[in-house]
Amino acid sequence: MSLSITTTYAGEFAGKYVSAALLSAPTIENGGVEILPNIKFKQVMQKIGTDDILKDATCDFTATSTVTLTERILQVKDLQVNMELCKKDFHNTWQGIEQGYSSFDVLPKSFADYLIGYAASKVAAKNETNFWRGATGTTGEYDGIMTQVAVDAALPAAQEVTGTTVTAANVIDELGKIVDAIPSAVYGKDDLHIYISQNIARAYVRALGGFGASGLGANGTNAMGTQWYNNGSLSFDGVKLFVGNGLADNTALAAEKSNLFFGCSLLSDLNEVRVLDMSDLDGSNNVRVIMRMAAGAQYANVEDLVTYGITNSAN
């Protein structure tokens, strides 16, 4: 009688592991965007537009505006993780005792737990990049926000800010260009953020520490020099900054949080996380790790976005 793994990460716990994989991406986990779960294929986002609705009064009912309904589609892409390893490889490790003394091995439970967590963390890291700059034509990726906006002809040219290599010496000026390009209808909104890449964030923190040509003086913020920053929140000209770890260097996006969406199949029947012992199935000594999920990104109104450092091929 052969021994096999009795723990299967399916059913109730599948959602928890896929949640870790999908929602642990920093932009998503830290509340930078809206989350739309339980999408099997597509979700339609309706947009309403009007011209000037306030007109001079009359005694009759006269339509004062033309209402235009348009839509954007958030379509998720099915993704998977398939890994296989041989139980024999653990004979001489510190976990070997967990396999038992029989010639028919089981995968060490502690390693099985670790393997699931490791796979989830790798998926989360990839998902962070996918959300911002993935390309659906590349395996394991879907079209990210910056990928989509770069080919959207409706993006106003005035809201496409030319980027450069950002340093502590020029970051104040470059962030100022982004703020200047924010539409008046969006500026001042509570959920408005400038999503910045890591290198822009580092340059901004250093600039606020002083010792540079940014006009802040040698002592920097609160006269603390480069000791001022303690991983707290950042803002620029009253606009909140959000570090999008998946953004490419020297890129940024000004947007309302309510205008950016991450869609996934979480809690739907597309989710599947399993550790399968193949001994009973094909007589091999292998164990397979399988994860299945679906994810996608979308924005609602491109007219309310400001890009930095990307070239819009449609304009």
Protein backbone atom coordinates (compact mmCIF):
# COMPACT_ATOMS: atom_id res chain seq x y z
CA MET A 1 0.00 0.00 0.00
CA SER A 2 1.50 3.31 -1.06
CA LEU A 3 1.35 6.46 1.01
CA SER A 4 0.22 9.66 -0.64
CA ILE A 5 -0.41 13.27 0.27
CA THR A 6 -3.74 13.64 1.97
CA THR A 7 -3.71 17.43 2.08
CA THR A 8 -5.25 19.09 -0.97
CA TYR A 9 -5.43 22.86 -1.25
CA ALA A 10 -8.76 22.91 -3.03
CA GLY A 11 -12.27 24.00 -2.18
CA GLU A 12 -12.58 26.38 0.76
CA PHE A 13 -8.88 27.13 1.10
CA ALA A 14 -8.32 27.68 -2.59
CA GLY A 15 -9.78 31.15 -2.31
CA LYS A 16 -7.40 32.04 0.51
CA TYR A 17 -4.27 31.02 -1.38
CA VAL A 18 -5.37 32.63 -4.62
CA SER A 19 -6.25 35.71 -2.60
CA ALA A 20 -2.68 35.80 -1.35
CA ALA A 21 -1.38 35.41 -4.88
CA LEU A 22 -3.59 37.99 -6.54
CA LEU A 23 -4.32 40.53 -3.84
CA SER A 24 -0.85 40.65 -2.24
CA ALA A 25 0.45 42.75 -5.12
CA PRO A 26 1.31 46.04 -3.32
CA THR A 27 -0.80 48.31 -5.51
CA ILE A 28 -3.85 46.11 -4.91
CA GLU A 29 -3.17 45.08 -1.32
CA ASN A 30 -2.56 48.67 -0.20
CA GLY A 31 -5.86 49.92 -1.60
CA GLY A 32 -4.52 51.77 -4.61
CA VAL A 33 -7.27 50.62 -6.98
CA GLU A 34 -10.81 49.33 -7.00
CA ILE A 35 -11.20 45.53 -6.92
CA LEU A 36 -13.85 43.75 -8.96
CA PRO A 37 -13.99 40.09 -7.90
CA ASN A 38 -15.89 37.14 -9.33
CA ILE A 39 -15.46 38.00 -13.00
CA LYS A 40 -15.61 34.87 -15.13
CA PHE A 41 -14.89 36.57 -18.46
CA LYS A 42 -15.93 40.19 -18.91
CA GLN A 43 -17.45 43.04 -16.94
CA VAL A 44 -18.96 46.08 -18.61
CA MET A 45 -18.33 49.48 -17.04
CA GLN A 46 -20.89 52.03 -18.20
CA LYS A 47 -19.84 55.64 -18.69
CA ILE A 48 -22.31 58.51 -18.93
CA GLY A 49 -21.49 61.75 -20.67
CA THR A 50 -23.45 64.98 -21.15
CA ASP A 51 -22.94 68.37 -22.66
CA ASP A 52 -23.88 71.53 -20.71
CA ILE A 53 -27.02 70.58 -18.79
CA LEU A 54 -27.99 73.97 -17.32
CA LYS A 55 -30.05 76.08 -19.72
CA ASP A 56 -32.41 79.08 -19.50
CA ALA A 57 -35.82 78.20 -18.04
CA THR A 58 -38.98 77.92 -20.16
CA CYS A 59 -42.61 76.96 -19.44
CA ASP A 60 -42.20 73.66 -21.30
CA PHE A 61 -40.13 70.56 -20.76
CA THR A 62 -37.25 70.87 -23.13
CA ALA A 63 -34.30 68.53 -22.98
CA THR A 64 -31.36 70.59 -21.82
CA SER A 65 -28.65 68.07 -22.58
CA THR A 66 -27.65 65.20 -24.77
CA VAL A 67 -26.84 62.10 -22.75
CA THR A 68 -24.26 59.75 -24.21
CA LEU A 69 -23.72 56.26 -22.82
CA THR A 70 -20.47 54.52 -23.61
CA GLU A 71 -18.72 51.56 -22.03
CA ARG A 72 -15.36 50.02 -21.32
CA ILE A 73 -14.81 46.32 -20.94
CA LEU A 74 -12.71 44.67 -18.25
CA GLN A 75 -11.82 41.23 -19.57
CA VAL A 76 -9.90 38.82 -17.39
CA LYS A 77 -7.35 36.38 -18.74
CA ASP A 78 -7.08 32.81 -17.48
CA LEU A 79 -3.70 32.11 -15.88
CA GLN A 80 -2.07 29.07 -14.32
CA VAL A 81 0.92 27.77 -12.41
CA ASN A 82 2.13 24.20 -13.05
CA MET A 83 5.10 22.93 -11.04
CA GLU A 84 6.42 19.40 -10.62
CA LEU A 85 9.06 18.01 -8.26
CA CYS A 86 10.31 14.59 -7.25
CA LYS A 87 9.84 13.42 -3.64
CA LYS A 88 13.16 11.56 -3.85
CA ASP A 89 14.97 14.91 -3.87
CA PHE A 90 14.02 15.32 -0.18
CA HIS A 91 15.52 12.08 1.12
CA ASN A 92 18.68 13.70 2.43
CA THR A 93 17.26 16.99 3.61
CA TRP A 94 16.26 17.95 7.14
CA GLN A 95 12.68 17.26 6.07
CA GLY A 96 13.40 13.69 5.06
CA ILE A 97 12.03 12.25 8.32
CA GLU A 98 8.65 13.74 7.46
CA GLN A 99 8.51 11.46 4.44
CA GLY A 100 8.38 8.40 6.63
CA TYR A 101 10.47 5.20 6.43
CA SER A 102 8.55 3.49 3.64
CA SER A 103 9.91 3.32 0.11
CA PHE A 104 6.69 5.09 -0.86
CA ASP A 105 7.35 8.71 0.02
CA VAL A 106 5.12 11.60 0.89
CA LEU A 107 6.03 15.20 0.28
CA PRO A 108 7.10 16.82 3.60
CA LYS A 109 4.08 18.75 4.83
CA SER A 110 6.19 21.70 5.96
CA PHE A 111 7.65 21.98 2.49
CA ALA A 112 4.25 21.55 0.86
CA ASP A 113 3.04 24.51 2.93
CA TYR A 114 6.13 26.50 1.98
CA LEU A 115 5.79 25.62 -1.68
CA ILE A 116 2.24 26.94 -1.86
CA GLY A 117 3.27 30.15 -0.11
CA TYR A 118 6.29 30.55 -2.36
CA ALA A 119 4.23 30.07 -5.51
CA ALA A 120 1.64 32.57 -4.24
CA SER A 121 4.31 35.19 -3.53
CA LYS A 122 5.82 34.79 -6.99
CA VAL A 123 2.39 35.14 -8.59
CA ALA A 124 1.74 38.27 -6.50
CA ALA A 125 5.00 39.86 -7.66
CA LYS A 126 4.18 39.08 -11.28
CA ASN A 127 0.64 40.37 -10.85
CA GLU A 128 1.94 43.71 -9.57
CA THR A 129 3.92 44.14 -12.78
CA ASN A 130 1.06 42.83 -14.91
CA PHE A 131 -1.41 45.34 -13.48
CA TRP A 132 0.68 48.27 -14.62
CA ARG A 133 2.57 47.16 -17.73
CA GLY A 134 1.65 43.61 -18.66
CA ALA A 135 0.92 42.68 -22.27
CA THR A 136 -1.70 40.07 -23.04
CA GLY A 137 0.36 38.82 -25.98
CA THR A 138 3.01 37.64 -23.52
CA THR A 139 2.36 34.37 -21.73
CA GLY A 140 1.39 34.85 -18.10
CA GLU A 141 0.41 38.48 -18.62
CA TYR A 142 -2.66 40.60 -19.33
CA ASP A 143 -2.82 44.16 -20.65
CA GLY A 144 -1.88 46.52 -17.83
CA ILE A 145 -3.09 50.07 -17.25
CA MET A 146 -0.09 51.77 -18.87
CA THR A 147 -0.17 49.35 -21.79
CA GLN A 148 -3.78 50.21 -22.51
CA VAL A 149 -3.51 53.96 -22.08
CA ALA A 150 -0.49 54.03 -24.41
CA VAL A 151 -2.72 53.08 -27.35
CA ASP A 152 -5.87 54.94 -26.32
CA ALA A 153 -6.59 57.66 -28.86
CA ALA A 154 -8.99 59.38 -26.45
CA LEU A 155 -6.16 60.44 -24.10
CA PRO A 156 -5.86 64.24 -24.46
CA ALA A 157 -2.43 65.18 -25.76
CA ALA A 158 -2.15 67.88 -23.09
CA GLN A 159 -2.36 65.15 -20.44
CA GLU A 160 0.54 63.16 -21.85
CA VAL A 161 3.61 64.52 -20.07
CA THR A 162 6.97 63.76 -21.65
CA GLY A 163 9.22 61.98 -19.19
CA THR A 164 12.93 62.02 -18.49
CA THR A 165 15.37 60.25 -16.20
CA VAL A 166 14.18 61.41 -12.78
CA THR A 167 16.74 62.32 -10.13
CA ALA A 168 16.71 64.13 -6.81
CA ALA A 169 17.75 67.27 -8.69
CA ASN A 170 14.79 67.35 -11.09
CA VAL A 171 12.03 65.35 -9.37
CA ILE A 172 10.28 68.47 -8.00
CA ASP A 173 10.01 69.97 -11.47
CA GLU A 174 8.87 66.70 -13.04
CA LEU A 175 6.14 66.07 -10.47
CA GLY A 176 5.06 69.68 -10.96
CA LYS A 177 4.52 68.97 -14.67
CA ILE A 178 2.17 66.12 -13.78
CA VAL A 179 0.15 68.24 -11.37
CA ASP A 180 -0.09 71.06 -13.91
CA ALA A 181 -1.57 68.63 -16.45
CA ILE A 182 -4.33 67.28 -14.15
CA PRO A 183 -7.77 68.31 -15.49
CA SER A 184 -9.57 70.87 -13.36
CA ALA A 185 -12.54 68.51 -13.00
CA VAL A 186 -10.28 65.97 -11.29
CA TYR A 187 -7.91 68.17 -9.33
CA GLY A 188 -8.88 68.28 -5.66
CA LYS A 189 -10.81 64.98 -5.67
CA ASP A 190 -10.34 63.02 -2.46
CA ASP A 191 -9.18 59.84 -4.18
CA LEU A 192 -6.82 61.54 -6.63
CA HIS A 193 -3.32 60.04 -6.58
CA ILE A 194 -0.14 60.30 -8.55
CA TYR A 195 1.05 56.72 -8.96
CA ILE A 196 4.83 56.83 -9.21
CA SER A 197 7.54 54.29 -9.89
CA GLN A 198 10.00 53.31 -7.18
CA ASN A 199 12.86 55.34 -8.61
CA ILE A 200 10.73 58.50 -8.65
CA ALA A 201 9.72 57.86 -5.04
CA ARG A 202 13.34 57.42 -3.98
CA ALA A 203 14.36 60.59 -5.80
CA TYR A 204 11.55 62.55 -4.13
CA VAL A 205 12.44 61.29 -0.64
CA ARG A 206 16.05 62.25 -1.20
CA ALA A 207 15.12 65.67 -2.55
CA LEU A 208 13.03 66.40 0.54
CA GLY A 209 16.01 65.45 2.66
CA GLY A 210 17.85 68.51 1.39
CA PHE A 211 21.53 68.66 0.48
CA GLY A 212 20.53 69.32 -3.12
CA ALA A 213 19.59 71.98 -5.61
CA SER A 214 15.85 71.65 -5.05
CA GLY A 215 15.61 74.76 -2.89
CA LEU A 216 14.83 72.93 0.33
CA GLY A 217 18.01 73.89 2.11
CA ALA A 218 20.62 71.65 3.62
CA ASN A 219 18.41 70.50 6.49
CA GLY A 220 15.51 69.29 4.39
CA THR A 221 12.01 68.49 5.69
CA ASN A 222 11.57 69.29 9.37
CA ALA A 223 15.29 70.10 9.50
CA MET A 224 16.00 66.36 9.74
CA GLY A 225 18.10 65.96 6.62
CA THR A 226 18.02 62.49 5.09
CA GLN A 227 16.64 61.08 8.35
CA TRP A 228 13.25 62.67 7.80
CA TYR A 229 11.48 59.83 6.02
CA ASN A 230 10.14 56.84 7.95
CA ASN A 231 8.11 55.02 5.28
CA GLY A 232 5.09 57.22 5.81
CA SER A 233 2.71 58.71 3.27
CA LEU A 234 3.94 61.10 0.61
CA SER A 235 2.21 63.97 -1.16
CA PHE A 236 3.09 66.67 -3.67
CA ASP A 237 1.31 70.00 -3.92
CA GLY A 238 -1.54 68.50 -1.90
CA VAL A 239 -1.90 65.46 -4.19
CA LYS A 240 -1.30 62.07 -2.59
CA LEU A 241 1.53 59.96 -4.00
CA PHE A 242 1.21 56.19 -4.30
CA VAL A 243 4.22 54.04 -5.10
CA GLY A 244 3.25 51.55 -7.80
CA ASN A 245 5.99 48.93 -7.51
CA GLY A 246 5.02 47.47 -10.88
CA LEU A 247 5.50 50.72 -12.78
CA ALA A 248 8.54 50.96 -15.03
CA ASP A 249 11.25 53.41 -13.95
CA ASN A 250 10.58 57.05 -14.78
CA THR A 251 6.86 56.54 -15.36
CA ALA A 252 3.84 57.81 -13.44
CA LEU A 253 0.09 58.13 -13.72
CA ALA A 254 -2.25 60.69 -12.15
CA ALA A 255 -5.67 59.16 -11.60
CA GLU A 256 -8.51 58.81 -9.18
CA LYS A 257 -8.51 55.49 -7.35
CA SER A 258 -12.15 55.10 -8.39
CA ASN A 259 -11.04 55.23 -12.03
CA LEU A 260 -8.67 52.23 -11.86
CA PHE A 261 -9.92 48.65 -11.62
CA PHE A 262 -8.41 45.25 -10.99
CA GLY A 263 -10.68 42.36 -11.90
CA CYS A 264 -10.19 38.76 -10.88
CA SER A 265 -11.93 35.42 -10.64
CA LEU A 266 -11.47 35.26 -6.88
CA LEU A 267 -14.17 33.19 -5.20
CA SER A 268 -15.42 31.90 -8.56
CA ASP A 269 -15.10 28.35 -9.73
CA LEU A 270 -12.12 29.26 -11.94
CA ASN A 271 -9.89 29.24 -8.87
CA GLU A 272 -7.98 26.09 -8.18
CA VAL A 273 -5.00 25.47 -5.92
CA ARG A 274 -3.87 21.88 -5.48
CA VAL A 275 -0.93 19.79 -4.36
CA LEU A 276 -1.26 16.47 -6.18
CA ASP A 277 0.68 13.31 -5.37
CA MET A 278 1.05 11.49 -8.70
CA SER A 279 1.93 8.11 -7.14
CA ASP A 280 -1.61 6.78 -7.27
CA LEU A 281 -2.23 8.25 -10.72
CA ASP A 282 0.77 7.27 -12.82
CA GLY A 283 3.05 5.37 -10.45
CA SER A 284 5.68 8.11 -10.49
CA ASN A 285 7.40 9.67 -7.50
CA ASN A 286 6.38 13.18 -8.50
CA VAL A 287 4.25 15.84 -6.86
CA ARG A 288 2.54 18.59 -8.81
CA VAL A 289 1.48 22.06 -7.69
CA ILE A 290 -1.37 23.57 -9.68
CA MET A 291 -2.85 27.04 -9.41
CA ARG A 292 -5.53 28.54 -11.65
CA MET A 293 -6.91 32.05 -11.62
CA ALA A 294 -8.03 34.87 -13.90
CA ALA A 295 -7.11 38.55 -13.73
CA GLY A 296 -7.31 41.79 -15.69
CA ALA A 297 -6.99 45.58 -15.40
CA GLN A 298 -8.96 48.51 -16.77
CA TYR A 299 -9.73 52.20 -16.29
CA ALA A 300 -13.08 53.85 -16.83
CA ASN A 301 -12.33 57.36 -18.13
CA VAL A 302 -9.11 58.00 -20.00
CA GLU A 303 -10.02 61.69 -20.21
CA ASP A 304 -9.33 61.95 -16.47
CA LEU A 305 -5.84 60.42 -16.60
CA VAL A 306 -2.44 62.07 -16.84
CA THR A 307 0.48 59.95 -18.00
CA TYR A 308 4.17 60.57 -17.48
CA GLY A 309 6.97 58.88 -19.36
CA ILE A 310 4.98 56.87 -21.91
CA THR A 311 4.50 57.48 -25.61
CA ASN A 312 0.91 57.30 -26.80
CA SER A 313 1.11 55.75 -30.25
CA ALA A 314 -2.50 56.73 -30.97
CA ASN A 315 -1.90 60.49 -30.66
